[in-house]
Amino acid sequence: MTQVTPHSPSPSAPPWAESLSPHRVATELSDIRREIARLKRREAALLSGEPVATLRPGWPMQRLRQDRG
């Protein structure tokens, strides 16, 4: 069995695995978790009937203003 260091992908690893350093993986995972948390908050707000415009500052309010005319 060959030992693989964190920076060298295993021989069977896909080509893109070479660019995945442990730091980059941790950063990507953190970003994904943050996005999941944001989407869960959004879902909870939508299910509770909270206006969509309060969920994310910026674009929903602009859209609502356009809809009102």
Protein backbone atom coordinates (compact mmCIF):
# COMPACT_ATOMS: atom_id res chain seq x y z
CA MET A 1 0.00 0.00 0.00
CA THR A 2 1.42 3.35 -1.03
CA GLN A 3 1.29 6.25 1.38
CA VAL A 4 -0.09 9.44 -0.07
CA THR A 5 0.76 12.86 1.31
CA PRO A 6 -2.07 15.43 1.54
CA HIS A 7 -0.65 17.37 -1.43
CA SER A 8 -0.28 14.47 -3.84
CA PRO A 9 -3.44 12.78 -5.08
CA SER A 10 -3.65 9.03 -5.13
CA PRO A 11 -2.93 7.36 -8.50
CA SER A 12 -6.65 6.74 -9.00
CA ALA A 13 -7.66 10.31 -8.14
CA PRO A 14 -9.32 12.42 -10.85
CA PRO A 15 -7.12 15.06 -12.57
CA TRP A 16 -8.77 17.99 -10.77
CA ALA A 17 -7.78 16.52 -7.37
CA GLU A 18 -4.26 17.89 -7.82
CA SER A 19 -5.52 21.45 -7.31
CA LEU A 20 -7.29 20.61 -4.05
CA SER A 21 -4.98 21.49 -1.20
CA PRO A 22 -6.27 20.80 2.32
CA HIS A 23 -6.63 24.56 2.87
CA ARG A 24 -8.67 25.00 -0.32
CA VAL A 25 -10.90 22.06 0.58
CA ALA A 26 -11.51 23.54 4.05
CA THR A 27 -12.29 26.94 2.52
CA GLU A 28 -14.69 25.48 -0.04
CA LEU A 29 -16.38 23.40 2.64
CA SER A 30 -16.77 26.46 4.86
CA ASP A 31 -18.31 28.41 1.96
CA ILE A 32 -20.71 25.54 1.22
CA ARG A 33 -21.76 25.31 4.88
CA ARG A 34 -22.34 29.09 4.99
CA GLU A 35 -24.50 28.90 1.87
CA ILE A 36 -26.49 25.97 3.27
CA ALA A 37 -27.13 27.95 6.48
CA ARG A 38 -28.24 30.97 4.43
CA LEU A 39 -30.61 28.83 2.37
CA LYS A 40 -32.05 27.19 5.49
CA ARG A 41 -32.73 30.65 7.00
CA ARG A 42 -34.35 31.71 3.73
CA GLU A 43 -36.48 28.57 3.64
CA ALA A 44 -37.57 29.07 7.26
CA ALA A 45 -38.49 32.69 6.54
CA LEU A 46 -40.46 31.74 3.45
CA LEU A 47 -42.31 28.99 5.33
CA SER A 48 -43.12 31.39 8.18
CA GLY A 49 -44.60 33.91 5.74
CA GLU A 50 -41.92 36.55 6.26
CA PRO A 51 -41.68 38.91 3.27
CA VAL A 52 -38.95 37.85 0.85
CA ALA A 53 -37.62 41.41 0.67
CA THR A 54 -36.27 41.14 4.22
CA LEU A 55 -34.28 37.97 3.56
CA ARG A 56 -31.42 39.41 1.54
CA PRO A 57 -30.78 43.13 1.31
CA GLY A 58 -30.64 44.52 -2.18
CA TRP A 59 -32.08 42.59 -5.06
CA PRO A 60 -35.54 41.58 -3.71
CA MET A 61 -36.38 45.18 -2.79
CA GLN A 62 -35.30 46.37 -6.23
CA ARG A 63 -37.49 43.71 -7.79
CA LEU A 64 -40.46 44.68 -5.60
CA ARG A 65 -40.04 48.33 -6.55
CA GLN A 66 -40.05 47.38 -10.23
CA ASP A 67 -43.19 45.26 -9.75
CA ARG A 68 -45.03 48.14 -8.10
CA GLY A 69 -44.32 50.30 -11.05
